[in-house]
Amino acid sequence: MTKSHTLIDLTFKTYNMNWFKLTGTDPSNPSHYTLVSSAPICIAPPQRLCAIYALNDGSGQPVITDALKNEMINALQNQVNTTNVLLESR
């Protein structure tokens, strides 16, 4: 009788929250952001997306969740910075 064994990978990844500055044109595309060391200075008055505070996917790109997308939309509609979204002037 042959016994078989199943190996289970129990590797857990740790994700850190970081600021990401929008450097491309599509705020919903993680590859259009650049990881920055701290909250960037965004010129007032707020009118367009400048930066987001999000989980780092481990390769230097933000994890853009539905909740963060909604926060981005609300910030843009109300023209105000939020906890995780900074806006800048056009």
PDB file of N, CA and C in Angstrom:
ATOM      1  N   MET A   1       0.843  -1.172   0.000  1.00  0.00           N
ATOM      2  CA  MET A   1       0.000   0.000   0.000  1.00  0.00           C
ATOM      3  C   MET A   1       0.893   1.241   0.000  1.00  0.00           C
ATOM      4  N   THR A   2       0.591   2.177  -0.885  1.00  0.00           N
ATOM      5  CA  THR A   2       1.376   3.401  -1.006  1.00  0.00           C
ATOM      6  C   THR A   2       0.627   4.552  -0.357  1.00  0.00           C
ATOM      7  N   LYS A   3       1.336   5.319   0.456  1.00  0.00           N
ATOM      8  CA  LYS A   3       0.731   6.499   1.078  1.00  0.00           C
ATOM      9  C   LYS A   3       1.091   7.724   0.248  1.00  0.00           C
ATOM     10  N   SER A   4       0.157   8.615   0.115  1.00  0.00           N
ATOM     11  CA  SER A   4       0.452   9.875  -0.569  1.00  0.00           C
ATOM     12  C   SER A   4       0.318  11.011   0.437  1.00  0.00           C
ATOM     13  N   HIS A   5       1.102  12.014   0.231  1.00  0.00           N
ATOM     14  CA  HIS A   5       1.099  13.166   1.124  1.00  0.00           C
ATOM     15  C   HIS A   5       0.798  14.417   0.308  1.00  0.00           C
ATOM     16  N   THR A   6       0.052  15.292   0.901  1.00  0.00           N
ATOM     17  CA  THR A   6      -0.243  16.572   0.273  1.00  0.00           C
ATOM     18  C   THR A   6       0.464  17.660   1.059  1.00  0.00           C
ATOM     19  N   LEU A   7       1.223  18.476   0.374  1.00  0.00           N
ATOM     20  CA  LEU A   7       1.896  19.596   1.019  1.00  0.00           C
ATOM     21  C   LEU A   7       1.050  20.844   0.833  1.00  0.00           C
ATOM     22  N   ILE A   8       0.923  21.592   1.883  1.00  0.00           N
ATOM     23  CA  ILE A   8       0.153  22.832   1.835  1.00  0.00           C
ATOM     24  C   ILE A   8       1.112  23.988   2.065  1.00  0.00           C
ATOM     25  N   ASP A   9       1.064  24.969   1.190  1.00  0.00           N
ATOM     26  CA  ASP A   9       1.908  26.153   1.328  1.00  0.00           C
ATOM     27  C   ASP A   9       1.236  27.110   2.300  1.00  0.00           C
ATOM     28  N   LEU A  10       1.868  27.334   3.423  1.00  0.00           N
ATOM     29  CA  LEU A  10       1.321  28.236   4.437  1.00  0.00           C
ATOM     30  C   LEU A  10       2.103  29.541   4.483  1.00  0.00           C
ATOM     31  N   THR A  11       2.607  29.972   3.358  1.00  0.00           N
ATOM     32  CA  THR A  11       3.344  31.219   3.280  1.00  0.00           C
ATOM     33  C   THR A  11       2.364  32.385   3.320  1.00  0.00           C
ATOM     34  N   PHE A  12       2.614  33.293   4.237  1.00  0.00           N
ATOM     35  CA  PHE A  12       1.765  34.473   4.351  1.00  0.00           C
ATOM     36  C   PHE A  12       2.579  35.688   3.931  1.00  0.00           C
ATOM     37  N   LYS A  13       1.967  36.537   3.138  1.00  0.00           N
ATOM     38  CA  LYS A  13       2.632  37.756   2.710  1.00  0.00           C
ATOM     39  C   LYS A  13       2.170  38.903   3.599  1.00  0.00           C
ATOM     40  N   THR A  14       3.084  39.792   3.892  1.00  0.00           N
ATOM     41  CA  THR A  14       2.758  40.987   4.648  1.00  0.00           C
ATOM     42  C   THR A  14       2.707  42.152   3.670  1.00  0.00           C
ATOM     43  N   TYR A  15       1.611  42.847   3.668  1.00  0.00           N
ATOM     44  CA  TYR A  15       1.457  44.002   2.798  1.00  0.00           C
ATOM     45  C   TYR A  15       1.493  45.262   3.649  1.00  0.00           C
ATOM     46  N   ASN A  16       2.229  46.239   3.199  1.00  0.00           N
ATOM     47  CA  ASN A  16       2.334  47.506   3.908  1.00  0.00           C
ATOM     48  C   ASN A  16       1.523  48.567   3.192  1.00  0.00           C
ATOM     49  N   MET A  17       1.038  49.525   3.962  1.00  0.00           N
ATOM     50  CA  MET A  17       0.363  50.678   3.382  1.00  0.00           C
ATOM     51  C   MET A  17       1.436  51.687   2.988  1.00  0.00           C
ATOM     52  N   ASN A  18       1.287  52.252   1.804  1.00  0.00           N
ATOM     53  CA  ASN A  18       2.225  53.250   1.299  1.00  0.00           C
ATOM     54  C   ASN A  18       1.480  54.305   0.495  1.00  0.00           C
ATOM     55  N   TRP A  19       2.153  55.437   0.300  1.00  0.00           N
ATOM     56  CA  TRP A  19       1.644  56.460  -0.604  1.00  0.00           C
ATOM     57  C   TRP A  19       2.142  56.165  -2.012  1.00  0.00           C
ATOM     58  N   PHE A  20       1.245  56.383  -2.978  1.00  0.00           N
ATOM     59  CA  PHE A  20       1.554  56.200  -4.392  1.00  0.00           C
ATOM     60  C   PHE A  20       1.113  57.453  -5.135  1.00  0.00           C
ATOM     61  N   LYS A  21       2.036  58.073  -5.871  1.00  0.00           N
ATOM     62  CA  LYS A  21       1.718  59.272  -6.653  1.00  0.00           C
ATOM     63  C   LYS A  21       1.289  58.845  -8.049  1.00  0.00           C
ATOM     64  N   LEU A  22       0.195  59.441  -8.514  1.00  0.00           N
ATOM     65  CA  LEU A  22      -0.284  59.167  -9.870  1.00  0.00           C
ATOM     66  C   LEU A  22       0.692  59.792 -10.861  1.00  0.00           C
ATOM     67  N   THR A  23       1.304  58.974 -11.690  1.00  0.00           N
ATOM     68  CA  THR A  23       2.266  59.463 -12.681  1.00  0.00           C
ATOM     69  C   THR A  23       1.818  59.153 -14.106  1.00  0.00           C
ATOM     70  N   GLY A  24       0.703  58.452 -14.230  1.00  0.00           N
ATOM     71  CA  GLY A  24       0.140  58.146 -15.541  1.00  0.00           C
ATOM     72  C   GLY A  24      -1.180  58.867 -15.712  1.00  0.00           C
ATOM     73  N   THR A  25      -2.005  58.359 -16.600  1.00  0.00           N
ATOM     74  CA  THR A  25      -3.272  59.024 -16.907  1.00  0.00           C
ATOM     75  C   THR A  25      -4.499  58.288 -16.390  1.00  0.00           C
ATOM     76  N   ASP A  26      -4.345  57.035 -15.982  1.00  0.00           N
ATOM     77  CA  ASP A  26      -5.494  56.226 -15.571  1.00  0.00           C
ATOM     78  C   ASP A  26      -5.428  55.927 -14.074  1.00  0.00           C
ATOM     79  N   PRO A  27      -6.222  56.642 -13.252  1.00  0.00           N
ATOM     80  CA  PRO A  27      -6.158  56.443 -11.804  1.00  0.00           C
ATOM     81  C   PRO A  27      -6.629  55.072 -11.331  1.00  0.00           C
ATOM     82  N   SER A  28      -7.280  54.299 -12.192  1.00  0.00           N
ATOM     83  CA  SER A  28      -7.728  52.964 -11.785  1.00  0.00           C
ATOM     84  C   SER A  28      -6.712  51.877 -12.144  1.00  0.00           C
ATOM     85  N   ASN A  29      -5.614  52.266 -12.794  1.00  0.00           N
ATOM     86  CA  ASN A  29      -4.585  51.314 -13.222  1.00  0.00           C
ATOM     87  C   ASN A  29      -3.385  51.388 -12.273  1.00  0.00           C
ATOM     88  N   PRO A  30      -3.121  50.334 -11.505  1.00  0.00           N
ATOM     89  CA  PRO A  30      -2.005  50.359 -10.554  1.00  0.00           C
ATOM     90  C   PRO A  30      -0.649  50.683 -11.180  1.00  0.00           C
ATOM     91  N   SER A  31      -0.446  50.339 -12.445  1.00  0.00           N
ATOM     92  CA  SER A  31       0.848  50.607 -13.079  1.00  0.00           C
ATOM     93  C   SER A  31       1.045  52.086 -13.410  1.00  0.00           C
ATOM     94  N   HIS A  32       0.031  52.906 -13.185  1.00  0.00           N
ATOM     95  CA  HIS A  32       0.131  54.343 -13.445  1.00  0.00           C
ATOM     96  C   HIS A  32       0.515  55.126 -12.190  1.00  0.00           C
ATOM     97  N   TYR A  33       0.976  54.419 -11.161  1.00  0.00           N
ATOM     98  CA  TYR A  33       1.390  55.040  -9.904  1.00  0.00           C
ATOM     99  C   TYR A  33       2.855  54.747  -9.630  1.00  0.00           C
ATOM    100  N   THR A  34       3.482  55.664  -8.889  1.00  0.00           N
ATOM    101  CA  THR A  34       4.855  55.484  -8.432  1.00  0.00           C
ATOM    102  C   THR A  34       4.858  55.505  -6.912  1.00  0.00           C
ATOM    103  N   LEU A  35       5.508  54.525  -6.316  1.00  0.00           N
ATOM    104  CA  LEU A  35       5.646  54.445  -4.870  1.00  0.00           C
ATOM    105  C   LEU A  35       6.490  55.612  -4.383  1.00  0.00           C
ATOM    106  N   VAL A  36       6.005  56.327  -3.352  1.00  0.00           N
ATOM    107  CA  VAL A  36       6.756  57.437  -2.764  1.00  0.00           C
ATOM    108  C   VAL A  36       6.927  57.176  -1.273  1.00  0.00           C
ATOM    109  N   SER A  37       7.937  57.806  -0.668  1.00  0.00           N
ATOM    110  CA  SER A  37       8.285  57.505   0.719  1.00  0.00           C
ATOM    111  C   SER A  37       7.352  58.134   1.746  1.00  0.00           C
ATOM    112  N   SER A  38       6.646  59.193   1.379  1.00  0.00           N
ATOM    113  CA  SER A  38       5.708  59.844   2.299  1.00  0.00           C
ATOM    114  C   SER A  38       4.631  60.546   1.480  1.00  0.00           C
ATOM    115  N   ALA A  39       3.647  61.086   2.177  1.00  0.00           N
ATOM    116  CA  ALA A  39       2.552  61.772   1.484  1.00  0.00           C
ATOM    117  C   ALA A  39       3.124  62.916   0.653  1.00  0.00           C
ATOM    118  N   PRO A  40       2.857  62.928  -0.647  1.00  0.00           N
ATOM    119  CA  PRO A  40       3.394  63.995  -1.493  1.00  0.00           C
ATOM    120  C   PRO A  40       2.664  65.308  -1.255  1.00  0.00           C
ATOM    121  N   ILE A  41       3.326  66.397  -1.578  1.00  0.00           N
ATOM    122  CA  ILE A  41       2.691  67.710  -1.507  1.00  0.00           C
ATOM    123  C   ILE A  41       1.907  67.895  -2.797  1.00  0.00           C
ATOM    124  N   CYS A  42       0.617  68.115  -2.648  1.00  0.00           N
ATOM    125  CA  CYS A  42      -0.261  68.312  -3.799  1.00  0.00           C
ATOM    126  C   CYS A  42      -0.781  69.736  -3.748  1.00  0.00           C
ATOM    127  N   ILE A  43      -0.588  70.464  -4.816  1.00  0.00           N
ATOM    128  CA  ILE A  43      -0.940  71.877  -4.866  1.00  0.00           C
ATOM    129  C   ILE A  43      -2.454  72.058  -4.805  1.00  0.00           C
ATOM    130  N   ALA A  44      -2.908  72.988  -3.963  1.00  0.00           N
ATOM    131  CA  ALA A  44      -4.336  73.306  -3.835  1.00  0.00           C
ATOM    132  C   ALA A  44      -4.697  74.345  -4.885  1.00  0.00           C
ATOM    133  N   PRO A  45      -5.937  74.529  -5.248  1.00  0.00           N
ATOM    134  CA  PRO A  45      -7.118  73.807  -4.772  1.00  0.00           C
ATOM    135  C   PRO A  45      -7.226  72.424  -5.401  1.00  0.00           C
ATOM    136  N   PRO A  46      -7.838  71.492  -4.687  1.00  0.00           N
ATOM    137  CA  PRO A  46      -7.946  70.137  -5.218  1.00  0.00           C
ATOM    138  C   PRO A  46      -8.933  70.035  -6.380  1.00  0.00           C
ATOM    139  N   GLN A  47      -8.472  69.476  -7.503  1.00  0.00           N
ATOM    140  CA  GLN A  47      -9.355  69.285  -8.652  1.00  0.00           C
ATOM    141  C   GLN A  47      -9.129  67.971  -9.380  1.00  0.00           C
ATOM    142  N   ARG A  48      -7.952  67.352  -9.220  1.00  0.00           N
ATOM    143  CA  ARG A  48      -7.709  66.063  -9.866  1.00  0.00           C
ATOM    144  C   ARG A  48      -6.883  65.184  -8.939  1.00  0.00           C
ATOM    145  N   LEU A  49      -6.873  63.902  -9.206  1.00  0.00           N
ATOM    146  CA  LEU A  49      -6.188  62.954  -8.342  1.00  0.00           C
ATOM    147  C   LEU A  49      -4.684  63.187  -8.360  1.00  0.00           C
ATOM    148  N   CYS A  50      -4.084  63.185  -7.184  1.00  0.00           N
ATOM    149  CA  CYS A  50      -2.639  63.365  -7.047  1.00  0.00           C
ATOM    150  C   CYS A  50      -1.977  62.095  -6.518  1.00  0.00           C
ATOM    151  N   ALA A  51      -2.550  61.535  -5.425  1.00  0.00           N
ATOM    152  CA  ALA A  51      -1.918  60.376  -4.792  1.00  0.00           C
ATOM    153  C   ALA A  51      -2.945  59.579  -4.002  1.00  0.00           C
ATOM    154  N   ILE A  52      -2.612  58.315  -3.778  1.00  0.00           N
ATOM    155  CA  ILE A  52      -3.469  57.454  -2.960  1.00  0.00           C
ATOM    156  C   ILE A  52      -2.619  56.750  -1.911  1.00  0.00           C
ATOM    157  N   TYR A  53      -3.245  56.433  -0.790  1.00  0.00           N
ATOM    158  CA  TYR A  53      -2.623  55.659   0.279  1.00  0.00           C
ATOM    159  C   TYR A  53      -3.257  54.285   0.214  1.00  0.00           C
ATOM    160  N   ALA A  54      -2.464  53.282  -0.149  1.00  0.00           N
ATOM    161  CA  ALA A  54      -3.016  51.954  -0.412  1.00  0.00           C
ATOM    162  C   ALA A  54      -2.031  50.870   0.001  1.00  0.00           C
ATOM    163  N   LEU A  55      -2.533  49.648   0.015  1.00  0.00           N
ATOM    164  CA  LEU A  55      -1.662  48.508   0.252  1.00  0.00           C
ATOM    165  C   LEU A  55      -0.671  48.379  -0.897  1.00  0.00           C
ATOM    166  N   ASN A  56       0.571  48.067  -0.563  1.00  0.00           N
ATOM    167  CA  ASN A  56       1.607  47.802  -1.555  1.00  0.00           C
ATOM    168  C   ASN A  56       1.514  46.325  -1.912  1.00  0.00           C
ATOM    169  N   ASP A  57       1.398  46.017  -3.188  1.00  0.00           N
ATOM    170  CA  ASP A  57       1.221  44.621  -3.608  1.00  0.00           C
ATOM    171  C   ASP A  57       2.501  43.790  -3.517  1.00  0.00           C
ATOM    172  N   GLY A  58       3.566  44.379  -3.024  1.00  0.00           N
ATOM    173  CA  GLY A  58       4.832  43.674  -2.891  1.00  0.00           C
ATOM    174  C   GLY A  58       5.780  43.925  -4.042  1.00  0.00           C
ATOM    175  N   SER A  59       5.246  44.492  -5.125  1.00  0.00           N
ATOM    176  CA  SER A  59       6.098  44.821  -6.273  1.00  0.00           C
ATOM    177  C   SER A  59       6.104  46.325  -6.538  1.00  0.00           C
ATOM    178  N   GLY A  60       5.695  47.097  -5.530  1.00  0.00           N
ATOM    179  CA  GLY A  60       5.734  48.548  -5.662  1.00  0.00           C
ATOM    180  C   GLY A  60       4.531  49.162  -6.338  1.00  0.00           C
ATOM    181  N   GLN A  61       3.439  48.415  -6.440  1.00  0.00           N
ATOM    182  CA  GLN A  61       2.216  48.959  -7.026  1.00  0.00           C
ATOM    183  C   GLN A  61       1.090  48.905  -6.001  1.00  0.00           C
ATOM    184  N   PRO A  62       0.146  49.847  -6.096  1.00  0.00           N
ATOM    185  CA  PRO A  62      -0.954  49.863  -5.133  1.00  0.00           C
ATOM    186  C   PRO A  62      -1.993  48.783  -5.417  1.00  0.00           C
ATOM    187  N   VAL A  63      -2.606  48.309  -4.346  1.00  0.00           N
ATOM    188  CA  VAL A  63      -3.769  47.428  -4.463  1.00  0.00           C
ATOM    189  C   VAL A  63      -4.977  48.356  -4.428  1.00  0.00           C
ATOM    190  N   ILE A  64      -5.670  48.482  -5.550  1.00  0.00           N
ATOM    191  CA  ILE A  64      -6.807  49.405  -5.645  1.00  0.00           C
ATOM    192  C   ILE A  64      -8.086  48.601  -5.447  1.00  0.00           C
ATOM    193  N   THR A  65      -8.603  48.657  -4.225  1.00  0.00           N
ATOM    194  CA  THR A  65      -9.817  47.920  -3.875  1.00  0.00           C
ATOM    195  C   THR A  65     -11.048  48.697  -4.330  1.00  0.00           C
ATOM    196  N   ASP A  66     -12.199  48.044  -4.299  1.00  0.00           N
ATOM    197  CA  ASP A  66     -13.451  48.739  -4.625  1.00  0.00           C
ATOM    198  C   ASP A  66     -13.696  49.876  -3.643  1.00  0.00           C
ATOM    199  N   ALA A  67     -13.370  49.653  -2.366  1.00  0.00           N
ATOM    200  CA  ALA A  67     -13.558  50.703  -1.356  1.00  0.00           C
ATOM    201  C   ALA A  67     -12.684  51.913  -1.674  1.00  0.00           C
ATOM    202  N   LEU A  68     -11.445  51.676  -2.090  1.00  0.00           N
ATOM    203  CA  LEU A  68     -10.559  52.782  -2.446  1.00  0.00           C
ATOM    204  C   LEU A  68     -11.055  53.480  -3.708  1.00  0.00           C
ATOM    205  N   LYS A  69     -11.529  52.730  -4.688  1.00  0.00           N
ATOM    206  CA  LYS A  69     -12.101  53.341  -5.899  1.00  0.00           C
ATOM    207  C   LYS A  69     -13.260  54.261  -5.534  1.00  0.00           C
ATOM    208  N   ASN A  70     -14.135  53.801  -4.636  1.00  0.00           N
ATOM    209  CA  ASN A  70     -15.266  54.632  -4.206  1.00  0.00           C
ATOM    210  C   ASN A  70     -14.784  55.884  -3.491  1.00  0.00           C
ATOM    211  N   GLU A  71     -13.744  55.752  -2.670  1.00  0.00           N
ATOM    212  CA  GLU A  71     -13.191  56.918  -1.980  1.00  0.00           C
ATOM    213  C   GLU A  71     -12.591  57.899  -2.983  1.00  0.00           C
ATOM    214  N   MET A  72     -11.953  57.387  -4.029  1.00  0.00           N
ATOM    215  CA  MET A  72     -11.397  58.241  -5.079  1.00  0.00           C
ATOM    216  C   MET A  72     -12.515  59.009  -5.788  1.00  0.00           C
ATOM    217  N   ILE A  73     -13.590  58.314  -6.113  1.00  0.00           N
ATOM    218  CA  ILE A  73     -14.733  58.945  -6.787  1.00  0.00           C
ATOM    219  C   ILE A  73     -15.344  60.025  -5.907  1.00  0.00           C
ATOM    220  N   ASN A  74     -15.552  59.710  -4.619  1.00  0.00           N
ATOM    221  CA  ASN A  74     -16.134  60.688  -3.693  1.00  0.00           C
ATOM    222  C   ASN A  74     -15.237  61.903  -3.528  1.00  0.00           C
ATOM    223  N   ALA A  75     -13.931  61.687  -3.430  1.00  0.00           N
ATOM    224  CA  ALA A  75     -13.001  62.806  -3.293  1.00  0.00           C
ATOM    225  C   ALA A  75     -13.079  63.718  -4.514  1.00  0.00           C
ATOM    226  N   LEU A  76     -13.115  63.120  -5.697  1.00  0.00           N
ATOM    227  CA  LEU A  76     -13.191  63.914  -6.925  1.00  0.00           C
ATOM    228  C   LEU A  76     -14.523  64.640  -7.062  1.00  0.00           C
ATOM    229  N   GLN A  77     -15.619  63.961  -6.733  1.00  0.00           N
ATOM    230  CA  GLN A  77     -16.939  64.589  -6.839  1.00  0.00           C
ATOM    231  C   GLN A  77     -17.092  65.748  -5.862  1.00  0.00           C
ATOM    232  N   ASN A  78     -16.553  65.578  -4.644  1.00  0.00           N
ATOM    233  CA  ASN A  78     -16.696  66.604  -3.607  1.00  0.00           C
ATOM    234  C   ASN A  78     -15.533  67.581  -3.568  1.00  0.00           C
ATOM    235  N   GLN A  79     -14.500  67.323  -4.408  1.00  0.00           N
ATOM    236  CA  GLN A  79     -13.314  68.179  -4.479  1.00  0.00           C
ATOM    237  C   GLN A  79     -12.662  68.395  -3.114  1.00  0.00           C
ATOM    238  N   VAL A  80     -12.507  67.290  -2.363  1.00  0.00           N
ATOM    239  CA  VAL A  80     -11.856  67.344  -1.055  1.00  0.00           C
ATOM    240  C   VAL A  80     -10.896  66.162  -0.912  1.00  0.00           C
ATOM    241  N   ASN A  81      -9.816  66.398  -0.181  1.00  0.00           N
ATOM    242  CA  ASN A  81      -8.915  65.305   0.160  1.00  0.00           C
ATOM    243  C   ASN A  81      -9.593  64.409   1.183  1.00  0.00           C
ATOM    244  N   THR A  82      -9.260  63.130   1.160  1.00  0.00           N
ATOM    245  CA  THR A  82      -9.780  62.182   2.141  1.00  0.00           C
ATOM    246  C   THR A  82      -8.590  61.497   2.816  1.00  0.00           C
ATOM    247  N   THR A  83      -8.883  60.565   3.686  1.00  0.00           N
ATOM    248  CA  THR A  83      -7.825  59.851   4.399  1.00  0.00           C
ATOM    249  C   THR A  83      -6.843  59.181   3.448  1.00  0.00           C
ATOM    250  N   ASN A  84      -7.345  58.603   2.370  1.00  0.00           N
ATOM    251  CA  ASN A  84      -6.511  57.817   1.464  1.00  0.00           C
ATOM    252  C   ASN A  84      -6.363  58.400   0.066  1.00  0.00           C
ATOM    253  N   VAL A  85      -6.900  59.593  -0.156  1.00  0.00           N
ATOM    254  CA  VAL A  85      -6.861  60.202  -1.493  1.00  0.00           C
ATOM    255  C   VAL A  85      -6.478  61.674  -1.373  1.00  0.00           C
ATOM    256  N   LEU A  86      -5.444  62.068  -2.106  1.00  0.00           N
ATOM    257  CA  LEU A  86      -5.048  63.472  -2.174  1.00  0.00           C
ATOM    258  C   LEU A  86      -5.290  63.977  -3.588  1.00  0.00           C
ATOM    259  N   LEU A  87      -5.821  65.195  -3.678  1.00  0.00           N
ATOM    260  CA  LEU A  87      -6.098  65.820  -4.970  1.00  0.00           C
ATOM    261  C   LEU A  87      -5.153  66.988  -5.187  1.00  0.00           C
ATOM    262  N   GLU A  88      -4.987  67.395  -6.443  1.00  0.00           N
ATOM    263  CA  GLU A  88      -4.179  68.566  -6.771  1.00  0.00           C
ATOM    264  C   GLU A  88      -4.903  69.401  -7.813  1.00  0.00           C
ATOM    265  N   SER A  89      -4.405  70.608  -8.031  1.00  0.00           N
ATOM    266  CA  SER A  89      -5.054  71.480  -9.009  1.00  0.00           C
ATOM    267  C   SER A  89      -4.730  71.027 -10.420  1.00  0.00           C
ATOM    268  N   ARG A  90      -5.556  71.424 -11.373  1.00  0.00           N
ATOM    269  CA  ARG A  90      -5.352  71.066 -12.787  1.00  0.00           C
ATOM    270  C   ARG A  90      -4.315  71.950 -13.418  1.00  0.00           C
TER     271      ARG A  90
END
